[in-house]
PDB file of N, CA and C in Angstrom:
ATOM      1  N   MET A   1      11.907  90.899  11.036  1.00  0.00           N
ATOM      2  CA  MET A   1      13.017  91.817   9.983  1.00  0.00           C
ATOM      3  C   MET A   1      13.648  90.637   8.910  1.00  0.00           C
ATOM      4  N   ALA A   2      14.167  91.123   7.990  1.00  0.00           N
ATOM      5  CA  ALA A   2      14.605  89.977   7.180  1.00  0.00           C
ATOM      6  C   ALA A   2      15.764  90.877   6.385  1.00  0.00           C
ATOM      7  N   ALA A   3      16.708  90.314   6.123  1.00  0.00           N
ATOM      8  CA  ALA A   3      18.192  91.250   5.550  1.00  0.00           C
ATOM      9  C   ALA A   3      18.186  90.465   4.430  1.00  0.00           C
ATOM     10  N   PHE A   4      19.206  91.136   3.268  1.00  0.00           N
ATOM     11  CA  PHE A   4      18.995  90.663   1.917  1.00  0.00           C
ATOM     12  C   PHE A   4      20.671  90.926   1.582  1.00  0.00           C
ATOM     13  N   ALA A   5      21.697  90.409   0.993  1.00  0.00           N
ATOM     14  CA  ALA A   5      22.564  90.461   0.468  1.00  0.00           C
ATOM     15  C   ALA A   5      22.688  89.890  -0.794  1.00  0.00           C
ATOM     16  N   GLY A   6      22.870  90.075  -1.932  1.00  0.00           N
ATOM     17  CA  GLY A   6      22.967  89.504  -3.227  1.00  0.00           C
ATOM     18  C   GLY A   6      22.041  88.900  -3.445  1.00  0.00           C
ATOM     19  N   ASP A   7      22.427  87.404  -3.565  1.00  0.00           N
ATOM     20  CA  ASP A   7      20.766  86.107  -3.835  1.00  0.00           C
ATOM     21  C   ASP A   7      20.661  85.688  -2.557  1.00  0.00           C
ATOM     22  N   LEU A   8      21.484  85.937  -1.475  1.00  0.00           N
ATOM     23  CA  LEU A   8      20.974  85.359  -0.149  1.00  0.00           C
ATOM     24  C   LEU A   8      20.006  86.441   1.167  1.00  0.00           C
ATOM     25  N   TRP A   9      19.200  85.948   1.610  1.00  0.00           N
ATOM     26  CA  TRP A   9      18.344  86.348   2.649  1.00  0.00           C
ATOM     27  C   TRP A   9      18.129  85.805   4.000  1.00  0.00           C
ATOM     28  N   TRP A  10      17.958  86.413   4.673  1.00  0.00           N
ATOM     29  CA  TRP A  10      17.580  85.865   5.951  1.00  0.00           C
ATOM     30  C   TRP A  10      16.864  86.418   6.919  1.00  0.00           C
ATOM     31  N   HIS A  11      16.318  85.923   7.998  1.00  0.00           N
ATOM     32  CA  HIS A  11      15.239  86.329   9.006  1.00  0.00           C
ATOM     33  C   HIS A  11      15.899  86.806   9.947  1.00  0.00           C
ATOM     34  N   ALA A  12      15.597  87.554  10.866  1.00  0.00           N
ATOM     35  CA  ALA A  12      16.736  87.781  12.206  1.00  0.00           C
ATOM     36  C   ALA A  12      16.223  86.836  13.464  1.00  0.00           C
ATOM     37  N   ASN A  13      15.420  85.818  13.077  1.00  0.00           N
ATOM     38  CA  ASN A  13      15.029  84.506  13.843  1.00  0.00           C
ATOM     39  C   ASN A  13      16.454  83.614  13.489  1.00  0.00           C
ATOM     40  N   GLY A  14      16.507  83.578  12.521  1.00  0.00           N
ATOM     41  CA  GLY A  14      17.796  82.681  11.811  1.00  0.00           C
ATOM     42  C   GLY A  14      17.091  81.726  10.726  1.00  0.00           C
ATOM     43  N   PRO A  15      17.713  80.577  10.255  1.00  0.00           N
ATOM     44  CA  PRO A  15      17.063  79.867   8.752  1.00  0.00           C
ATOM     45  C   PRO A  15      15.954  79.123   9.162  1.00  0.00           C
ATOM     46  N   ALA A  16      15.674  78.746  10.439  1.00  0.00           N
ATOM     47  CA  ALA A  16      14.771  77.690  10.844  1.00  0.00           C
ATOM     48  C   ALA A  16      13.402  78.140  10.780  1.00  0.00           C
ATOM     49  N   ASP A  17      13.405  79.660  10.897  1.00  0.00           N
ATOM     50  CA  ASP A  17      12.036  80.677  10.454  1.00  0.00           C
ATOM     51  C   ASP A  17      11.865  80.929   9.269  1.00  0.00           C
ATOM     52  N   ASP A  18      12.705  80.487   8.173  1.00  0.00           N
ATOM     53  CA  ASP A  18      12.531  80.429   6.638  1.00  0.00           C
ATOM     54  C   ASP A  18      11.334  80.310   5.827  1.00  0.00           C
ATOM     55  N   PRO A  19      10.253  81.199   5.673  1.00  0.00           N
ATOM     56  CA  PRO A  19       8.597  80.568   4.888  1.00  0.00           C
ATOM     57  C   PRO A  19       9.276  79.700   3.858  1.00  0.00           C
ATOM     58  N   VAL A  20      10.012  80.091   3.239  1.00  0.00           N
ATOM     59  CA  VAL A  20      10.329  79.108   1.977  1.00  0.00           C
ATOM     60  C   VAL A  20      10.679  78.141   2.307  1.00  0.00           C
ATOM     61  N   ALA A  21      11.661  78.140   2.405  1.00  0.00           N
ATOM     62  CA  ALA A  21      12.262  76.646   3.209  1.00  0.00           C
ATOM     63  C   ALA A  21      12.573  76.112   4.516  1.00  0.00           C
ATOM     64  N   PRO A  22      11.426  76.092   5.122  1.00  0.00           N
ATOM     65  CA  PRO A  22      11.707  75.358   6.239  1.00  0.00           C
ATOM     66  C   PRO A  22      12.305  74.282   6.645  1.00  0.00           C
ATOM     67  N   ASP A  23      12.510  73.826   5.611  1.00  0.00           N
ATOM     68  CA  ASP A  23      13.494  72.326   6.361  1.00  0.00           C
ATOM     69  C   ASP A  23      14.228  72.236   5.108  1.00  0.00           C
ATOM     70  N   ARG A  24      15.777  72.689   5.861  1.00  0.00           N
ATOM     71  CA  ARG A  24      16.976  72.563   4.791  1.00  0.00           C
ATOM     72  C   ARG A  24      17.269  71.353   4.086  1.00  0.00           C
ATOM     73  N   GLU A  25      17.149  70.100   4.642  1.00  0.00           N
ATOM     74  CA  GLU A  25      17.244  69.267   3.934  1.00  0.00           C
ATOM     75  C   GLU A  25      16.158  68.763   2.686  1.00  0.00           C
ATOM     76  N   VAL A  26      14.749  69.137   2.391  1.00  0.00           N
ATOM     77  CA  VAL A  26      14.081  69.237   1.738  1.00  0.00           C
ATOM     78  C   VAL A  26      15.180  70.130   0.647  1.00  0.00           C
ATOM     79  N   LEU A  27      15.141  71.385   0.813  1.00  0.00           N
ATOM     80  CA  LEU A  27      15.806  72.609  -0.141  1.00  0.00           C
ATOM     81  C   LEU A  27      16.798  71.961  -0.465  1.00  0.00           C
ATOM     82  N   ARG A  28      18.040  71.299  -0.054  1.00  0.00           N
ATOM     83  CA  ARG A  28      18.945  70.599  -0.776  1.00  0.00           C
ATOM     84  C   ARG A  28      18.602  69.893  -1.531  1.00  0.00           C
ATOM     85  N   ALA A  29      17.792  68.646  -1.201  1.00  0.00           N
ATOM     86  CA  ALA A  29      17.151  67.412  -2.121  1.00  0.00           C
ATOM     87  C   ALA A  29      16.735  68.058  -3.243  1.00  0.00           C
ATOM     88  N   SER A  30      16.130  69.369  -3.187  1.00  0.00           N
ATOM     89  CA  SER A  30      15.384  69.522  -4.111  1.00  0.00           C
ATOM     90  C   SER A  30      16.284  70.244  -5.293  1.00  0.00           C
ATOM     91  N   ARG A  31      17.420  71.172  -4.820  1.00  0.00           N
ATOM     92  CA  ARG A  31      18.346  71.708  -5.903  1.00  0.00           C
ATOM     93  C   ARG A  31      19.042  70.436  -6.451  1.00  0.00           C
ATOM     94  N   LEU A  32      19.393  69.779  -5.463  1.00  0.00           N
ATOM     95  CA  LEU A  32      20.295  68.478  -6.441  1.00  0.00           C
ATOM     96  C   LEU A  32      19.260  67.620  -7.338  1.00  0.00           C
ATOM     97  N   ARG A  33      18.362  67.421  -7.697  1.00  0.00           N
ATOM     98  CA  ARG A  33      17.524  66.515  -8.476  1.00  0.00           C
ATOM     99  C   ARG A  33      17.300  68.157  -9.615  1.00  0.00           C
ATOM    100  N   VAL A  34      17.213  69.372  -9.296  1.00  0.00           N
ATOM    101  CA  VAL A  34      17.408  70.177 -10.539  1.00  0.00           C
ATOM    102  C   VAL A  34      18.286  70.136 -11.097  1.00  0.00           C
ATOM    103  N   LEU A  35      19.684  70.174 -10.429  1.00  0.00           N
ATOM    104  CA  LEU A  35      21.029  70.100 -10.748  1.00  0.00           C
ATOM    105  C   LEU A  35      21.496  68.912 -11.775  1.00  0.00           C
ATOM    106  N   ALA A  36      20.854  67.936 -11.358  1.00  0.00           N
ATOM    107  CA  ALA A  36      20.971  66.778 -11.925  1.00  0.00           C
ATOM    108  C   ALA A  36      20.286  66.949 -13.209  1.00  0.00           C
ATOM    109  N   ALA A  37      19.014  67.431 -13.576  1.00  0.00           N
ATOM    110  CA  ALA A  37      18.476  67.112 -14.233  1.00  0.00           C
ATOM    111  C   ALA A  37      18.275  68.332 -15.451  1.00  0.00           C
ATOM    112  N   VAL A  38      19.271  69.259 -15.202  1.00  0.00           N
ATOM    113  CA  VAL A  38      19.555  70.539 -16.451  1.00  0.00           C
ATOM    114  C   VAL A  38      20.907  70.560 -16.766  1.00  0.00           C
ATOM    115  N   SER A  39      21.321  71.088 -17.845  1.00  0.00           N
ATOM    116  CA  SER A  39      22.808  71.711 -18.392  1.00  0.00           C
ATOM    117  C   SER A  39      22.764  72.929 -18.115  1.00  0.00           C
ATOM    118  N   LEU A  40      21.426  73.752 -18.343  1.00  0.00           N
ATOM    119  CA  LEU A  40      21.913  75.206 -18.046  1.00  0.00           C
ATOM    120  C   LEU A  40      20.603  75.586 -16.907  1.00  0.00           C
ATOM    121  N   THR A  41      21.145  76.331 -16.233  1.00  0.00           N
ATOM    122  CA  THR A  41      19.635  76.970 -14.997  1.00  0.00           C
ATOM    123  C   THR A  41      19.693  78.330 -15.533  1.00  0.00           C
ATOM    124  N   VAL A  42      18.213  78.844 -15.507  1.00  0.00           N
ATOM    125  CA  VAL A  42      17.945  79.966 -15.850  1.00  0.00           C
ATOM    126  C   VAL A  42      17.070  80.616 -14.481  1.00  0.00           C
ATOM    127  N   PRO A  43      17.872  81.114 -13.444  1.00  0.00           N
ATOM    128  CA  PRO A  43      16.871  81.279 -12.612  1.00  0.00           C
ATOM    129  C   PRO A  43      16.030  82.820 -12.570  1.00  0.00           C
ATOM    130  N   GLY A  44      15.362  82.995 -11.686  1.00  0.00           N
ATOM    131  CA  GLY A  44      13.800  84.096 -11.839  1.00  0.00           C
ATOM    132  C   GLY A  44      14.772  85.382 -11.362  1.00  0.00           C
ATOM    133  N   HIS A  45      15.542  85.406 -10.992  1.00  0.00           N
ATOM    134  CA  HIS A  45      16.666  86.722 -10.727  1.00  0.00           C
ATOM    135  C   HIS A  45      18.009  86.132 -11.108  1.00  0.00           C
ATOM    136  N   GLY A  46      18.748  86.708 -12.261  1.00  0.00           N
ATOM    137  CA  GLY A  46      20.085  86.839 -12.442  1.00  0.00           C
ATOM    138  C   GLY A  46      20.253  86.079 -13.608  1.00  0.00           C
ATOM    139  N   GLY A  47      21.335  85.752 -14.271  1.00  0.00           N
ATOM    140  CA  GLY A  47      21.674  85.136 -15.360  1.00  0.00           C
ATOM    141  C   GLY A  47      21.485  83.756 -15.635  1.00  0.00           C
ATOM    142  N   PRO A  48      21.630  83.372 -16.871  1.00  0.00           N
ATOM    143  CA  PRO A  48      21.918  81.814 -16.937  1.00  0.00           C
ATOM    144  C   PRO A  48      23.007  80.973 -16.543  1.00  0.00           C
ATOM    145  N   PHE A  49      23.255  80.077 -15.668  1.00  0.00           N
ATOM    146  CA  PHE A  49      24.459  79.703 -15.094  1.00  0.00           C
ATOM    147  C   PHE A  49      24.581  78.230 -15.677  1.00  0.00           C
ATOM    148  N   ARG A  50      25.843  77.229 -16.007  1.00  0.00           N
ATOM    149  CA  ARG A  50      25.756  76.386 -15.783  1.00  0.00           C
ATOM    150  C   ARG A  50      26.664  75.602 -14.440  1.00  0.00           C
ATOM    151  N   ALA A  51      25.826  74.470 -13.718  1.00  0.00           N
ATOM    152  CA  ALA A  51      26.278  74.279 -12.395  1.00  0.00           C
ATOM    153  C   ALA A  51      27.800  73.414 -12.609  1.00  0.00           C
ATOM    154  N   ASP A  52      28.546  73.809 -11.675  1.00  0.00           N
ATOM    155  CA  ASP A  52      30.363  73.213 -11.455  1.00  0.00           C
ATOM    156  C   ASP A  52      30.450  73.287  -9.820  1.00  0.00           C
ATOM    157  N   ASP A  53      31.280  72.894  -9.535  1.00  0.00           N
ATOM    158  CA  ASP A  53      31.705  73.028  -7.997  1.00  0.00           C
ATOM    159  C   ASP A  53      31.025  74.005  -7.138  1.00  0.00           C
ATOM    160  N   THR A  54      31.267  75.080  -7.281  1.00  0.00           N
ATOM    161  CA  THR A  54      31.556  76.210  -6.599  1.00  0.00           C
ATOM    162  C   THR A  54      29.259  76.307  -6.461  1.00  0.00           C
ATOM    163  N   THR A  55      28.365  75.676  -7.368  1.00  0.00           N
ATOM    164  CA  THR A  55      27.182  75.878  -7.132  1.00  0.00           C
ATOM    165  C   THR A  55      27.009  75.576  -5.697  1.00  0.00           C
ATOM    166  N   PRO A  56      25.892  76.418  -5.123  1.00  0.00           N
ATOM    167  CA  PRO A  56      25.329  75.901  -3.807  1.00  0.00           C
ATOM    168  C   PRO A  56      24.529  74.503  -3.971  1.00  0.00           C
ATOM    169  N   ARG A  57      24.672  73.489  -3.069  1.00  0.00           N
ATOM    170  CA  ARG A  57      24.410  72.853  -2.807  1.00  0.00           C
ATOM    171  C   ARG A  57      23.251  72.578  -1.303  1.00  0.00           C
TER     172      ARG A  57
END
């Protein structure tokens, strides 16, 4: 079972079973690289945004 709420999704067994990002530290490092490299992020879902202090890391 999976649950969705806005941009967030998770499995009934918790984030450790996430097939997209099984290693949360690797996911975080990837996000930090992207945020450091771009001034405007255009996600696959949702509108473009500029990262600030409230952007998930």
